[in-house]
Protein backbone atom coordinates (compact mmCIF):
# COMPACT_ATOMS: atom_id res chain seq x y z
CA UNK A 1 -0.28 0.40 -0.22
CA UNK A 2 1.26 3.16 -0.69
CA UNK A 3 2.05 6.11 1.79
CA UNK A 4 -0.82 7.96 0.93
CA UNK A 5 -3.54 5.33 0.35
CA UNK A 6 -2.26 3.62 3.79
CA UNK A 7 -2.58 7.37 5.67
CA UNK A 8 -6.30 7.43 3.73
CA UNK A 9 -7.32 3.64 5.18
CA UNK A 10 -5.77 4.38 9.21
CA UNK A 11 -7.69 7.75 8.62
CA UNK A 12 -10.66 6.09 8.72
CA UNK A 13 -10.05 3.42 10.76
CA UNK A 14 -9.64 6.32 13.41
CA UNK A 15 -12.87 7.74 12.85
CA UNK A 16 -14.43 4.87 12.47
CA UNK A 17 -13.30 3.52 16.40
CA UNK A 18 -13.27 7.09 18.01
CA UNK A 19 -16.85 6.78 16.80
CA UNK A 20 -17.53 3.57 18.07
CA UNK A 21 -15.54 4.65 20.95
CA UNK A 22 -17.39 6.98 22.07
CA UNK A 23 -21.24 4.98 20.96
CA UNK A 24 -20.28 2.23 23.59
CA UNK A 25 -19.10 4.52 25.95
CA UNK A 26 -21.82 6.79 26.35
CA UNK A 27 -24.09 2.80 26.21
CA UNK A 28 -22.22 0.87 28.87
CA UNK A 29 -22.64 4.62 31.46
CA UNK A 30 -26.31 3.59 30.98
CA UNK A 31 -26.16 0.18 31.37
CA UNK A 32 -24.66 0.57 33.75
CA UNK A 33 -26.72 3.27 35.74
CA UNK A 34 -29.67 0.51 34.57
CA UNK A 35 -28.05 -2.32 36.64
CA UNK A 36 -30.31 -1.25 40.11
CA UNK A 37 -33.62 -1.80 38.19
CA UNK A 38 -32.12 -4.69 36.54
CA UNK A 39 -31.55 -6.74 39.95
CA UNK A 40 -34.83 -5.01 41.22
CA UNK A 41 -36.82 -5.97 37.98
CA UNK A 42 -34.67 -9.62 38.85
CA UNK A 43 -36.16 -10.00 42.53
CA UNK A 44 -39.92 -8.39 41.61
CA UNK A 45 -40.10 -10.95 39.16
CA UNK A 46 -39.15 -14.38 41.20
CA UNK A 47 -41.65 -12.43 44.07
CA UNK A 48 -45.38 -13.29 45.38
CA UNK A 49 -45.34 -9.38 44.55
CA UNK A 50 -45.48 -10.67 41.36
CA UNK A 51 -46.78 -13.55 41.35
CA UNK A 52 -50.04 -11.56 42.83
CA UNK A 53 -49.78 -8.71 40.15
CA UNK A 54 -49.59 -11.60 37.83
CA UNK A 55 -53.11 -13.30 39.95
CA UNK A 56 -54.59 -9.85 39.58
CA UNK A 57 -54.50 -9.09 36.11
CA UNK A 58 -55.57 -11.96 35.10
CA UNK A 59 -59.07 -12.09 36.71
CA UNK A 60 -59.61 -8.44 35.46
CA UNK A 61 -58.80 -6.43 38.79
CA UNK A 62 -56.10 -3.60 37.78
CA UNK A 63 -57.25 -0.70 35.06
CA UNK A 64 -57.53 -1.61 31.65
CA UNK A 65 -55.10 1.69 31.24
CA UNK A 66 -52.43 0.51 33.78
CA UNK A 67 -49.83 -0.35 31.53
CA UNK A 68 -48.70 -3.68 32.57
CA UNK A 69 -45.64 -5.16 30.26
CA UNK A 70 -43.58 -6.16 33.07
CA UNK A 71 -46.36 -8.30 34.57
CA UNK A 72 -46.53 -10.98 30.85
CA UNK A 73 -44.83 -14.08 31.85
CA UNK A 74 -42.01 -12.73 28.96
CA UNK A 75 -40.78 -9.68 29.44
CA UNK A 76 -38.70 -9.35 32.44
CA UNK A 77 -37.44 -12.87 31.23
CA UNK A 78 -36.37 -11.74 27.86
CA UNK A 79 -34.59 -7.94 29.46
CA UNK A 80 -32.79 -11.14 32.40
CA UNK A 81 -31.85 -13.38 29.37
CA UNK A 82 -30.62 -10.02 27.05
CA UNK A 83 -28.69 -8.44 30.04
CA UNK A 84 -26.69 -11.83 30.00
CA UNK A 85 -26.34 -12.71 26.59
CA UNK A 86 -24.21 -8.96 26.95
CA UNK A 87 -22.49 -9.51 29.73
CA UNK A 88 -20.96 -12.71 28.34
CA UNK A 89 -20.21 -10.64 25.05
CA UNK A 90 -17.95 -8.43 27.21
CA UNK A 91 -16.38 -10.81 28.91
CA UNK A 92 -15.68 -12.46 25.43
CA UNK A 93 -14.77 -9.22 23.99
CA UNK A 94 -12.37 -8.57 26.67
CA UNK A 95 -11.10 -12.25 26.19
CA UNK A 96 -9.72 -11.56 22.89
């Protein structure tokens, strides 16, 4: 590769990596801040409170306009699993 081509290519790499690092840093900050909420969701999902809330929803005892994605059987489980998968991916990236 000739000098000018090499410098242009390396400049493109620098721009790409710089943008990726800034995006990942921002996402990691947000993810880190969300960890307490994730722990609370995990605790709630395995609690008797969740089971009661779920049963009350199934019985039609909750307001119809109440947002209740948290009472679906998959929503919390999916976000917990996604979080575990992200943690695994980060570990794999760090071990490269």
